[in-house]
C-alpha atoms as a PDB file:
ATOM      1  CA  UNK A   1     -35.727   9.204  31.659  1.00  0.00           C
ATOM      2  CA  UNK A   2     -34.577   5.966  30.045  1.00  0.00           C
ATOM      3  CA  UNK A   3     -34.771   7.224  26.459  1.00  0.00           C
ATOM      4  CA  UNK A   4     -32.840  10.444  27.171  1.00  0.00           C
ATOM      5  CA  UNK A   5     -30.262   8.485  29.189  1.00  0.00           C
ATOM      6  CA  UNK A   6     -29.849   6.123  26.213  1.00  0.00           C
ATOM      7  CA  UNK A   7     -29.429   9.066  23.856  1.00  0.00           C
ATOM      8  CA  UNK A   8     -26.731  10.597  26.042  1.00  0.00           C
ATOM      9  CA  UNK A   9     -24.930   7.268  26.318  1.00  0.00           C
ATOM     10  CA  UNK A  10     -24.924   6.760  22.529  1.00  0.00           C
ATOM     11  CA  UNK A  11     -23.485  10.262  22.067  1.00  0.00           C
ATOM     12  CA  UNK A  12     -20.934   9.729  24.870  1.00  0.00           C
ATOM     13  CA  UNK A  13     -19.767   6.437  23.334  1.00  0.00           C
ATOM     14  CA  UNK A  14     -19.486   8.066  19.890  1.00  0.00           C
ATOM     15  CA  UNK A  15     -17.361  10.949  21.179  1.00  0.00           C
ATOM     16  CA  UNK A  16     -15.233   8.731  23.443  1.00  0.00           C
ATOM     17  CA  UNK A  17     -14.558   6.319  20.577  1.00  0.00           C
ATOM     18  CA  UNK A  18     -13.821   9.099  18.092  1.00  0.00           C
ATOM     19  CA  UNK A  19     -11.191  10.563  20.409  1.00  0.00           C
ATOM     20  CA  UNK A  20      -9.714   7.284  21.718  1.00  0.00           C
ATOM     21  CA  UNK A  21     -10.591   8.102  25.324  1.00  0.00           C
ATOM     22  CA  UNK A  22     -10.737   4.471  26.528  1.00  0.00           C
ATOM     23  CA  UNK A  23      -7.372   3.598  24.955  1.00  0.00           C
ATOM     24  CA  UNK A  24      -5.722   6.695  26.426  1.00  0.00           C
ATOM     25  CA  UNK A  25      -7.265   5.954  29.839  1.00  0.00           C
ATOM     26  CA  UNK A  26      -5.916   2.390  29.765  1.00  0.00           C
ATOM     27  CA  UNK A  27      -2.482   3.622  28.692  1.00  0.00           C
ATOM     28  CA  UNK A  28      -2.204   6.379  31.292  1.00  0.00           C
ATOM     29  CA  UNK A  29      -3.346   3.996  34.062  1.00  0.00           C
ATOM     30  CA  UNK A  30      -0.615   1.568  32.929  1.00  0.00           C
ATOM     31  CA  UNK A  31       2.024   4.290  33.311  1.00  0.00           C
ATOM     32  CA  UNK A  32       2.228   5.402  29.684  1.00  0.00           C
ATOM     33  CA  UNK A  33       1.409   8.634  27.926  1.00  0.00           C
ATOM     34  CA  UNK A  34      -0.410   7.535  24.740  1.00  0.00           C
ATOM     35  CA  UNK A  35      -1.678  10.403  22.622  1.00  0.00           C
ATOM     36  CA  UNK A  36      -4.045   8.968  20.075  1.00  0.00           C
ATOM     37  CA  UNK A  37      -5.040  10.761  16.910  1.00  0.00           C
ATOM     38  CA  UNK A  38      -8.806  11.164  17.093  1.00  0.00           C
ATOM     39  CA  UNK A  39     -11.519  11.691  14.521  1.00  0.00           C
ATOM     40  CA  UNK A  40     -13.026  15.173  14.509  1.00  0.00           C
ATOM     41  CA  UNK A  41     -16.771  14.622  14.201  1.00  0.00           C
ATOM     42  CA  UNK A  42     -17.795  18.120  13.092  1.00  0.00           C
ATOM     43  CA  UNK A  43     -18.450  17.920   9.357  1.00  0.00           C
ATOM     44  CA  UNK A  44     -18.641  14.113   9.389  1.00  0.00           C
ATOM     45  CA  UNK A  45     -21.726  12.041   8.579  1.00  0.00           C
ATOM     46  CA  UNK A  46     -23.620  10.048  11.185  1.00  0.00           C
ATOM     47  CA  UNK A  47     -25.915   7.342   9.878  1.00  0.00           C
ATOM     48  CA  UNK A  48     -28.815   6.239  12.037  1.00  0.00           C
ATOM     49  CA  UNK A  49     -29.856   2.655  11.407  1.00  0.00           C
ATOM     50  CA  UNK A  50     -33.480   2.748  12.550  1.00  0.00           C
ATOM     51  CA  UNK A  51     -35.300   5.923  13.499  1.00  0.00           C
ATOM     52  CA  UNK A  52     -37.445   5.958  16.629  1.00  0.00           C
ATOM     53  CA  UNK A  53     -37.474   8.378  19.530  1.00  0.00           C
ATOM     54  CA  UNK A  54     -33.908   7.710  20.651  1.00  0.00           C
ATOM     55  CA  UNK A  55     -32.500   8.089  17.135  1.00  0.00           C
ATOM     56  CA  UNK A  56     -34.460  11.332  16.645  1.00  0.00           C
ATOM     57  CA  UNK A  57     -32.798  12.826  19.716  1.00  0.00           C
ATOM     58  CA  UNK A  58     -29.355  11.499  18.680  1.00  0.00           C
ATOM     59  CA  UNK A  59     -29.993  13.211  15.314  1.00  0.00           C
ATOM     60  CA  UNK A  60     -30.791  16.526  17.022  1.00  0.00           C
ATOM     61  CA  UNK A  61     -27.645  16.441  19.178  1.00  0.00           C
ATOM     62  CA  UNK A  62     -25.339  15.235  16.375  1.00  0.00           C
ATOM     63  CA  UNK A  63     -26.770  17.826  13.988  1.00  0.00           C
ATOM     64  CA  UNK A  64     -26.278  20.522  16.630  1.00  0.00           C
ATOM     65  CA  UNK A  65     -22.670  19.356  16.879  1.00  0.00           C
ATOM     66  CA  UNK A  66     -22.129  20.026  13.183  1.00  0.00           C
ATOM     67  CA  UNK A  67     -22.602  16.515  11.843  1.00  0.00           C
ATOM     68  CA  UNK A  68     -24.517  15.667   8.667  1.00  0.00           C
ATOM     69  CA  UNK A  69     -27.359  13.316   9.660  1.00  0.00           C
ATOM     70  CA  UNK A  70     -28.558  10.459   7.454  1.00  0.00           C
ATOM     71  CA  UNK A  71     -31.120   7.863   8.508  1.00  0.00           C
ATOM     72  CA  UNK A  72     -32.703   4.677   7.262  1.00  0.00           C
ATOM     73  CA  UNK A  73     -35.877   3.224   8.689  1.00  0.00           C
ATOM     74  CA  UNK A  74     -37.931   0.190   7.752  1.00  0.00           C
ATOM     75  CA  UNK A  75     -41.016   2.420   7.406  1.00  0.00           C
ATOM     76  CA  UNK A  76     -40.930   5.910   5.831  1.00  0.00           C
ATOM     77  CA  UNK A  77     -40.365   8.817   8.214  1.00  0.00           C
ATOM     78  CA  UNK A  78     -39.362  12.458   8.107  1.00  0.00           C
ATOM     79  CA  UNK A  79     -37.592  14.654  10.652  1.00  0.00           C
ATOM     80  CA  UNK A  80     -36.079  18.140  10.547  1.00  0.00           C
ATOM     81  CA  UNK A  81     -32.362  18.156   9.742  1.00  0.00           C
ATOM     82  CA  UNK A  82     -32.361  14.465   8.793  1.00  0.00           C
ATOM     83  CA  UNK A  83     -31.982  13.078   5.274  1.00  0.00           C
ATOM     84  CA  UNK A  84     -33.637   9.687   4.897  1.00  0.00           C
ATOM     85  CA  UNK A  85     -31.804   7.470   2.416  1.00  0.00           C
ATOM     86  CA  UNK A  86     -31.708   3.909   1.124  1.00  0.00           C
ATOM     87  CA  UNK A  87     -29.776   1.434   3.254  1.00  0.00           C
ATOM     88  CA  UNK A  88     -26.844   1.049   0.827  1.00  0.00           C
ATOM     89  CA  UNK A  89     -26.271   4.819   0.770  1.00  0.00           C
ATOM     90  CA  UNK A  90     -26.443   4.993   4.566  1.00  0.00           C
ATOM     91  CA  UNK A  91     -23.819   2.246   4.896  1.00  0.00           C
ATOM     92  CA  UNK A  92     -21.498   3.750   2.264  1.00  0.00           C
ATOM     93  CA  UNK A  93     -21.582   7.385   3.430  1.00  0.00           C
ATOM     94  CA  UNK A  94     -21.590   7.149   7.233  1.00  0.00           C
ATOM     95  CA  UNK A  95     -18.397   7.967   9.137  1.00  0.00           C
ATOM     96  CA  UNK A  96     -20.339   6.897  12.241  1.00  0.00           C
ATOM     97  CA  UNK A  97     -23.080   4.251  12.119  1.00  0.00           C
ATOM     98  CA  UNK A  98     -25.323   4.297  15.188  1.00  0.00           C
ATOM     99  CA  UNK A  99     -27.745   1.384  15.576  1.00  0.00           C
ATOM    100  CA  UNK A 100     -31.292   2.088  16.749  1.00  0.00           C
ATOM    101  CA  UNK A 101     -33.259  -1.005  15.682  1.00  0.00           C
ATOM    102  CA  UNK A 102     -35.527  -3.037  17.932  1.00  0.00           C
ATOM    103  CA  UNK A 103     -34.589  -6.701  18.098  1.00  0.00           C
ATOM    104  CA  UNK A 104     -37.079  -9.029  16.421  1.00  0.00           C
ATOM    105  CA  UNK A 105     -37.029 -11.842  13.862  1.00  0.00           C
ATOM    106  CA  UNK A 106     -36.464  -9.381  10.990  1.00  0.00           C
ATOM    107  CA  UNK A 107     -33.627  -7.481  12.661  1.00  0.00           C
ATOM    108  CA  UNK A 108     -31.652 -10.349  14.249  1.00  0.00           C
ATOM    109  CA  UNK A 109     -28.254 -10.303  12.476  1.00  0.00           C
ATOM    110  CA  UNK A 110     -29.433  -7.330  10.370  1.00  0.00           C
ATOM    111  CA  UNK A 111     -25.928  -5.840  10.209  1.00  0.00           C
ATOM    112  CA  UNK A 112     -24.617  -8.936   8.432  1.00  0.00           C
ATOM    113  CA  UNK A 113     -21.195  -9.635   6.914  1.00  0.00           C
ATOM    114  CA  UNK A 114     -22.507  -8.492   3.518  1.00  0.00           C
ATOM    115  CA  UNK A 115     -23.814  -5.206   4.949  1.00  0.00           C
ATOM    116  CA  UNK A 116     -20.659  -4.646   7.004  1.00  0.00           C
ATOM    117  CA  UNK A 117     -18.651  -5.042   3.769  1.00  0.00           C
ATOM    118  CA  UNK A 118     -20.641  -2.113   2.304  1.00  0.00           C
ATOM    119  CA  UNK A 119     -19.726   0.212   5.188  1.00  0.00           C
ATOM    120  CA  UNK A 120     -17.330   3.080   4.623  1.00  0.00           C
ATOM    121  CA  UNK A 121     -13.875   1.670   5.490  1.00  0.00           C
ATOM    122  CA  UNK A 122     -12.816   2.687   8.997  1.00  0.00           C
ATOM    123  CA  UNK A 123     -16.369   3.483  10.153  1.00  0.00           C
ATOM    124  CA  UNK A 124     -17.037   4.042  13.834  1.00  0.00           C
ATOM    125  CA  UNK A 125     -19.855   1.676  14.883  1.00  0.00           C
ATOM    126  CA  UNK A 126     -22.031   2.551  17.904  1.00  0.00           C
ATOM    127  CA  UNK A 127     -24.498  -0.005  19.242  1.00  0.00           C
ATOM    128  CA  UNK A 128     -26.724   0.886  22.183  1.00  0.00           C
ATOM    129  CA  UNK A 129     -29.735  -1.044  20.815  1.00  0.00           C
ATOM    130  CA  UNK A 130     -29.309  -4.827  21.049  1.00  0.00           C
ATOM    131  CA  UNK A 131     -26.202  -6.930  20.476  1.00  0.00           C
ATOM    132  CA  UNK A 132     -27.948  -9.526  18.319  1.00  0.00           C
ATOM    133  CA  UNK A 133     -28.828  -6.900  15.669  1.00  0.00           C
ATOM    134  CA  UNK A 134     -25.176  -7.226  14.583  1.00  0.00           C
ATOM    135  CA  UNK A 135     -23.572 -10.427  13.297  1.00  0.00           C
ATOM    136  CA  UNK A 136     -20.918 -10.608  16.022  1.00  0.00           C
ATOM    137  CA  UNK A 137     -18.485 -12.844  14.115  1.00  0.00           C
ATOM    138  CA  UNK A 138     -18.655 -10.526  11.092  1.00  0.00           C
ATOM    139  CA  UNK A 139     -18.127  -7.479  13.330  1.00  0.00           C
ATOM    140  CA  UNK A 140     -15.058  -9.096  14.920  1.00  0.00           C
ATOM    141  CA  UNK A 141     -13.595  -9.871  11.483  1.00  0.00           C
ATOM    142  CA  UNK A 142     -14.286  -6.297  10.341  1.00  0.00           C
ATOM    143  CA  UNK A 143     -12.620  -4.884  13.472  1.00  0.00           C
ATOM    144  CA  UNK A 144      -9.559  -7.042  12.759  1.00  0.00           C
ATOM    145  CA  UNK A 145      -9.385  -5.953   9.105  1.00  0.00           C
ATOM    146  CA  UNK A 146     -10.029  -2.259   9.783  1.00  0.00           C
ATOM    147  CA  UNK A 147     -13.303  -2.234   7.808  1.00  0.00           C
ATOM    148  CA  UNK A 148     -14.771  -1.124  11.137  1.00  0.00           C
ATOM    149  CA  UNK A 149     -12.219   1.265  12.604  1.00  0.00           C
ATOM    150  CA  UNK A 150     -13.741   1.259  16.077  1.00  0.00           C
ATOM    151  CA  UNK A 151     -16.811  -0.199  17.765  1.00  0.00           C
ATOM    152  CA  UNK A 152     -18.396   1.493  20.778  1.00  0.00           C
ATOM    153  CA  UNK A 153     -20.724  -1.080  22.301  1.00  0.00           C
ATOM    154  CA  UNK A 154     -23.136  -1.049  25.226  1.00  0.00           C
ATOM    155  CA  UNK A 155     -24.890  -4.270  24.203  1.00  0.00           C
ATOM    156  CA  UNK A 156     -23.732  -7.773  23.321  1.00  0.00           C
ATOM    157  CA  UNK A 157     -25.182 -11.069  22.096  1.00  0.00           C
ATOM    158  CA  UNK A 158     -24.343 -12.631  25.471  1.00  0.00           C
ATOM    159  CA  UNK A 159     -24.555 -10.465  28.578  1.00  0.00           C
ATOM    160  CA  UNK A 160     -22.606 -10.093  30.721  1.00  0.00           C
ATOM    161  CA  UNK A 161     -19.772 -10.334  28.217  1.00  0.00           C
ATOM    162  CA  UNK A 162     -18.109 -13.697  28.936  1.00  0.00           C
ATOM    163  CA  UNK A 163     -14.572 -13.918  30.315  1.00  0.00           C
ATOM    164  CA  UNK A 164     -12.133 -14.457  27.466  1.00  0.00           C
ATOM    165  CA  UNK A 165     -14.516 -12.994  24.857  1.00  0.00           C
ATOM    166  CA  UNK A 166     -12.627 -11.673  21.808  1.00  0.00           C
ATOM    167  CA  UNK A 167     -13.989  -8.128  22.282  1.00  0.00           C
ATOM    168  CA  UNK A 168     -12.227  -7.869  25.645  1.00  0.00           C
ATOM    169  CA  UNK A 169      -8.810  -8.095  23.966  1.00  0.00           C
ATOM    170  CA  UNK A 170      -9.301  -5.596  21.131  1.00  0.00           C
ATOM    171  CA  UNK A 171      -7.793  -2.127  21.328  1.00  0.00           C
ATOM    172  CA  UNK A 172     -10.263  -0.658  18.807  1.00  0.00           C
ATOM    173  CA  UNK A 173     -13.359  -1.102  20.947  1.00  0.00           C
ATOM    174  CA  UNK A 174     -14.958   0.937  23.705  1.00  0.00           C
ATOM    175  CA  UNK A 175     -17.178  -1.197  25.938  1.00  0.00           C
ATOM    176  CA  UNK A 176     -19.825  -0.465  28.531  1.00  0.00           C
ATOM    177  CA  UNK A 177     -22.071  -2.860  30.442  1.00  0.00           C
ATOM    178  CA  UNK A 178     -25.581  -2.392  28.960  1.00  0.00           C
ATOM    179  CA  UNK A 179     -25.999   0.669  31.144  1.00  0.00           C
ATOM    180  CA  UNK A 180     -27.021   3.374  28.685  1.00  0.00           C
ATOM    181  CA  UNK A 181     -30.481   3.637  30.257  1.00  0.00           C
ATOM    182  CA  UNK A 182     -29.167   3.959  33.832  1.00  0.00           C
ATOM    183  CA  UNK A 183     -29.038   7.438  35.319  1.00  0.00           C
END
């Protein structure tokens, strides 16, 4: 149950972020009528950073939705409909980068400032794994510069997300409360 729930949440965050659902919701609730220009995901490339059971199911759903699926894993793997590539290629070619790494000493801060700089400009970043896999300061700088066009996050370095945290004030983020596994 938990894995499938996590898969669905990663996909939901990706689609919501691609279409600006959270921003439109905030705007309509505030009395406006914002009509954001979304990213059509069909024909785009999703990159899976780490490839376990959750990523395999995200790959199946994204591929079924017409996305090209690339993956990188620390140990060699194969899966139908998935092209496994070197990390630099994954970062450069992904329109959406979805993180599926376990948190350990080797993966803490794995998506560093240097790796974020190699991402396709404007990438949509989805993290339902662990917040500490991403260098948070580097992610915030990349969100400000547009290197990361949008981040859809269910996990954070500090949870719950502290009052006044910079992510709370950004328009180009979609946030949920580490609840991807809850159904």
